[in-house]
Amino acid sequence: MEKVDNTKELKLDFPAKWQYKIIMQKEHDAKKIAKDILKGKEHKITKSQNSSKGNYASHTLEVLIDDHKERKAIFEDLKKHKDIKFVL
């Protein structure tokens, strides 16, 4: 089996559109959370689907990023938010 090297940076041409998938309890306001985290940066958030029991909702957050550092920082900020359960 071939070993995969996960240490390499993605090769992207910047600025680039990047999508994050966020999962949270459905009663939380994903648009407000994204606006608070991105502090005025242009973005688009769309609801993807609800969980089978209807407790959670997933959303796709699309952002124009300027570099890898910004991409990772947004990911970390989303991950740290108290109302977000999971980020991809």
N, C-alpha and C. Protein backbone atom coordinates (compact mmCIF):
# COMPACT_ATOMS: atom_id res chain seq x y z
N MET A 1 0.84 -1.18 0.00
CA MET A 1 0.00 0.00 0.00
C MET A 1 0.89 1.24 0.00
N GLU A 2 0.54 2.22 -0.83
CA GLU A 2 1.33 3.44 -0.95
C GLU A 2 1.09 4.36 0.24
N LYS A 3 2.16 4.92 0.77
CA LYS A 3 2.07 5.85 1.90
C LYS A 3 1.69 7.24 1.38
N VAL A 4 0.75 7.89 2.05
CA VAL A 4 0.29 9.21 1.66
C VAL A 4 1.01 10.26 2.51
N ASP A 5 1.53 11.29 1.85
CA ASP A 5 2.21 12.38 2.55
C ASP A 5 1.22 13.51 2.78
N ASN A 6 0.75 13.68 4.03
CA ASN A 6 -0.23 14.70 4.38
C ASN A 6 0.41 16.02 4.78
N THR A 7 1.72 16.15 4.66
CA THR A 7 2.39 17.36 5.11
C THR A 7 2.52 18.42 4.02
N LYS A 8 2.22 18.06 2.78
CA LYS A 8 2.34 19.02 1.68
C LYS A 8 1.18 20.00 1.68
N GLU A 9 1.48 21.26 1.32
CA GLU A 9 0.45 22.28 1.17
C GLU A 9 -0.33 22.03 -0.11
N LEU A 10 -1.61 22.38 -0.07
CA LEU A 10 -2.41 22.34 -1.28
C LEU A 10 -1.86 23.37 -2.26
N LYS A 11 -1.91 23.06 -3.53
CA LYS A 11 -1.48 24.02 -4.54
C LYS A 11 -2.71 24.75 -5.04
N LEU A 12 -2.84 26.00 -4.62
CA LEU A 12 -3.98 26.84 -5.01
C LEU A 12 -3.47 28.13 -5.62
N ASP A 13 -4.22 28.66 -6.56
CA ASP A 13 -3.94 29.98 -7.09
C ASP A 13 -4.79 30.97 -6.30
N PHE A 14 -4.13 31.92 -5.66
CA PHE A 14 -4.84 32.88 -4.81
C PHE A 14 -5.07 34.19 -5.53
N PRO A 15 -6.14 34.88 -5.21
CA PRO A 15 -7.20 34.49 -4.27
C PRO A 15 -7.99 33.29 -4.82
N ALA A 16 -8.57 32.52 -3.92
CA ALA A 16 -9.31 31.31 -4.30
C ALA A 16 -10.58 31.19 -3.48
N LYS A 17 -11.63 30.64 -4.09
CA LYS A 17 -12.85 30.34 -3.34
C LYS A 17 -12.62 29.06 -2.57
N TRP A 18 -13.00 29.06 -1.29
CA TRP A 18 -12.82 27.89 -0.43
C TRP A 18 -14.12 27.61 0.29
N GLN A 19 -14.47 26.34 0.40
CA GLN A 19 -15.70 25.98 1.08
C GLN A 19 -15.40 25.20 2.35
N TYR A 20 -16.14 25.55 3.39
CA TYR A 20 -16.11 24.84 4.66
C TYR A 20 -17.51 24.26 4.87
N LYS A 21 -17.58 23.06 5.37
CA LYS A 21 -18.86 22.48 5.76
C LYS A 21 -18.92 22.58 7.28
N ILE A 22 -19.97 23.21 7.80
CA ILE A 22 -20.11 23.35 9.24
C ILE A 22 -21.39 22.65 9.69
N ILE A 23 -21.30 21.99 10.83
CA ILE A 23 -22.43 21.26 11.40
C ILE A 23 -22.69 21.81 12.79
N MET A 24 -23.96 22.14 13.04
CA MET A 24 -24.34 22.73 14.32
C MET A 24 -25.77 22.33 14.66
N GLN A 25 -26.17 22.55 15.91
CA GLN A 25 -27.56 22.33 16.27
C GLN A 25 -28.41 23.29 15.45
N LYS A 26 -29.55 22.80 15.00
CA LYS A 26 -30.32 23.57 14.02
C LYS A 26 -30.86 24.90 14.53
N GLU A 27 -30.97 25.07 15.85
CA GLU A 27 -31.52 26.33 16.36
C GLU A 27 -30.53 27.50 16.32
N HIS A 28 -29.26 27.23 16.06
CA HIS A 28 -28.27 28.30 16.00
C HIS A 28 -28.30 28.99 14.64
N ASP A 29 -27.95 30.26 14.62
CA ASP A 29 -27.99 31.08 13.42
C ASP A 29 -26.64 31.04 12.69
N ALA A 30 -26.54 30.20 11.68
CA ALA A 30 -25.28 30.02 10.94
C ALA A 30 -24.84 31.31 10.26
N LYS A 31 -25.78 32.09 9.75
CA LYS A 31 -25.43 33.34 9.06
C LYS A 31 -24.79 34.33 10.02
N LYS A 32 -25.33 34.44 11.23
CA LYS A 32 -24.78 35.35 12.22
C LYS A 32 -23.39 34.89 12.67
N ILE A 33 -23.25 33.59 12.89
CA ILE A 33 -21.95 33.04 13.32
C ILE A 33 -20.89 33.31 12.25
N ALA A 34 -21.22 33.05 10.99
CA ALA A 34 -20.27 33.28 9.90
C ALA A 34 -19.90 34.76 9.82
N LYS A 35 -20.89 35.63 9.94
CA LYS A 35 -20.63 37.07 9.88
C LYS A 35 -19.71 37.51 11.02
N ASP A 36 -19.95 36.99 12.23
CA ASP A 36 -19.13 37.33 13.39
C ASP A 36 -17.68 36.85 13.21
N ILE A 37 -17.51 35.64 12.71
CA ILE A 37 -16.17 35.07 12.55
C ILE A 37 -15.41 35.76 11.42
N LEU A 38 -16.10 36.04 10.33
CA LEU A 38 -15.42 36.58 9.15
C LEU A 38 -15.28 38.10 9.18
N LYS A 39 -15.88 38.75 10.15
CA LYS A 39 -15.70 40.19 10.40
C LYS A 39 -15.78 41.04 9.13
N GLY A 40 -16.87 40.91 8.40
CA GLY A 40 -17.10 41.74 7.23
C GLY A 40 -16.54 41.18 5.93
N LYS A 41 -15.77 40.11 5.99
CA LYS A 41 -15.23 39.51 4.76
C LYS A 41 -16.40 38.93 3.95
N GLU A 42 -16.39 39.15 2.65
CA GLU A 42 -17.46 38.67 1.80
C GLU A 42 -17.52 37.14 1.83
N HIS A 43 -18.73 36.61 1.97
CA HIS A 43 -18.92 35.16 2.04
C HIS A 43 -20.35 34.80 1.63
N LYS A 44 -20.57 33.52 1.45
CA LYS A 44 -21.91 33.02 1.14
C LYS A 44 -22.12 31.77 1.98
N ILE A 45 -23.25 31.68 2.65
CA ILE A 45 -23.54 30.49 3.45
C ILE A 45 -24.90 29.95 3.02
N THR A 46 -24.94 28.65 2.78
CA THR A 46 -26.18 28.00 2.36
C THR A 46 -26.42 26.76 3.21
N LYS A 47 -27.66 26.55 3.56
CA LYS A 47 -28.02 25.37 4.34
C LYS A 47 -27.96 24.16 3.43
N SER A 48 -27.35 23.08 3.93
CA SER A 48 -27.22 21.87 3.14
C SER A 48 -28.33 20.88 3.47
N GLN A 49 -28.38 20.45 4.73
CA GLN A 49 -29.41 19.49 5.12
C GLN A 49 -29.51 19.39 6.63
N ASN A 50 -30.57 18.74 7.08
CA ASN A 50 -30.77 18.46 8.51
C ASN A 50 -30.41 17.01 8.78
N SER A 51 -30.07 16.72 10.03
CA SER A 51 -29.80 15.34 10.42
C SER A 51 -31.09 14.54 10.37
N SER A 52 -30.98 13.24 10.42
CA SER A 52 -32.17 12.39 10.31
C SER A 52 -33.19 12.64 11.42
N LYS A 53 -32.72 12.98 12.62
CA LYS A 53 -33.64 13.27 13.72
C LYS A 53 -33.99 14.75 13.80
N GLY A 54 -33.39 15.58 12.96
CA GLY A 54 -33.70 16.99 12.91
C GLY A 54 -33.04 17.85 13.97
N ASN A 55 -32.09 17.31 14.70
CA ASN A 55 -31.42 18.08 15.76
C ASN A 55 -30.29 18.95 15.23
N TYR A 56 -29.65 18.53 14.15
CA TYR A 56 -28.48 19.22 13.62
C TYR A 56 -28.73 19.65 12.18
N ALA A 57 -28.02 20.70 11.77
CA ALA A 57 -28.08 21.17 10.39
C ALA A 57 -26.66 21.37 9.88
N SER A 58 -26.46 21.07 8.62
CA SER A 58 -25.16 21.34 8.00
C SER A 58 -25.32 22.51 7.04
N HIS A 59 -24.25 23.29 6.93
CA HIS A 59 -24.23 24.47 6.08
C HIS A 59 -22.91 24.49 5.31
N THR A 60 -22.95 25.04 4.10
CA THR A 60 -21.74 25.25 3.33
C THR A 60 -21.40 26.73 3.36
N LEU A 61 -20.19 27.02 3.80
CA LEU A 61 -19.70 28.40 3.89
C LEU A 61 -18.64 28.58 2.82
N GLU A 62 -18.87 29.50 1.89
CA GLU A 62 -17.91 29.78 0.82
C GLU A 62 -17.29 31.15 1.04
N VAL A 63 -15.96 31.18 1.00
CA VAL A 63 -15.21 32.40 1.28
C VAL A 63 -14.10 32.55 0.24
N LEU A 64 -13.84 33.79 -0.17
CA LEU A 64 -12.69 34.07 -1.03
C LEU A 64 -11.49 34.29 -0.12
N ILE A 65 -10.52 33.38 -0.19
CA ILE A 65 -9.35 33.46 0.69
C ILE A 65 -8.14 33.98 -0.08
N ASP A 66 -7.24 34.62 0.66
CA ASP A 66 -6.07 35.23 0.05
C ASP A 66 -4.81 34.36 0.13
N ASP A 67 -4.75 33.44 1.09
CA ASP A 67 -3.58 32.58 1.23
C ASP A 67 -3.89 31.41 2.16
N HIS A 68 -2.94 30.49 2.28
CA HIS A 68 -3.12 29.31 3.13
C HIS A 68 -3.28 29.68 4.60
N LYS A 69 -2.57 30.71 5.02
CA LYS A 69 -2.65 31.14 6.43
C LYS A 69 -4.08 31.56 6.76
N GLU A 70 -4.71 32.33 5.89
CA GLU A 70 -6.09 32.76 6.12
C GLU A 70 -7.05 31.57 6.10
N ARG A 71 -6.84 30.64 5.16
CA ARG A 71 -7.69 29.44 5.08
C ARG A 71 -7.66 28.66 6.39
N LYS A 72 -6.49 28.47 6.92
CA LYS A 72 -6.33 27.72 8.18
C LYS A 72 -6.88 28.50 9.37
N ALA A 73 -6.69 29.81 9.38
CA ALA A 73 -7.18 30.64 10.49
C ALA A 73 -8.70 30.60 10.56
N ILE A 74 -9.36 30.70 9.41
CA ILE A 74 -10.83 30.64 9.40
C ILE A 74 -11.28 29.27 9.89
N PHE A 75 -10.63 28.21 9.44
CA PHE A 75 -10.96 26.86 9.89
C PHE A 75 -10.86 26.76 11.42
N GLU A 76 -9.77 27.27 11.98
CA GLU A 76 -9.57 27.22 13.43
C GLU A 76 -10.63 28.04 14.17
N ASP A 77 -10.97 29.21 13.65
CA ASP A 77 -11.99 30.05 14.29
C ASP A 77 -13.36 29.36 14.26
N LEU A 78 -13.67 28.72 13.15
CA LEU A 78 -14.94 27.98 13.07
C LEU A 78 -14.93 26.82 14.06
N LYS A 79 -13.82 26.10 14.11
CA LYS A 79 -13.70 24.94 14.99
C LYS A 79 -13.83 25.31 16.46
N LYS A 80 -13.35 26.49 16.83
CA LYS A 80 -13.37 26.94 18.23
C LYS A 80 -14.73 27.48 18.67
N HIS A 81 -15.59 27.83 17.72
CA HIS A 81 -16.85 28.47 18.07
C HIS A 81 -17.72 27.50 18.88
N LYS A 82 -18.28 27.99 19.97
CA LYS A 82 -19.03 27.14 20.91
C LYS A 82 -20.29 26.50 20.31
N ASP A 83 -20.87 27.11 19.27
CA ASP A 83 -22.10 26.58 18.70
C ASP A 83 -21.88 25.64 17.52
N ILE A 84 -20.65 25.55 17.04
CA ILE A 84 -20.34 24.67 15.91
C ILE A 84 -19.81 23.35 16.45
N LYS A 85 -20.44 22.28 16.01
CA LYS A 85 -20.07 20.94 16.49
C LYS A 85 -18.93 20.33 15.69
N PHE A 86 -18.90 20.62 14.37
CA PHE A 86 -17.92 19.96 13.50
C PHE A 86 -17.67 20.82 12.26
N VAL A 87 -16.42 20.84 11.79
CA VAL A 87 -16.05 21.60 10.58
C VAL A 87 -15.25 20.69 9.65
N LEU A 88 -15.59 20.73 8.39
CA LEU A 88 -14.82 20.01 7.35
C LEU A 88 -14.28 21.01 6.36
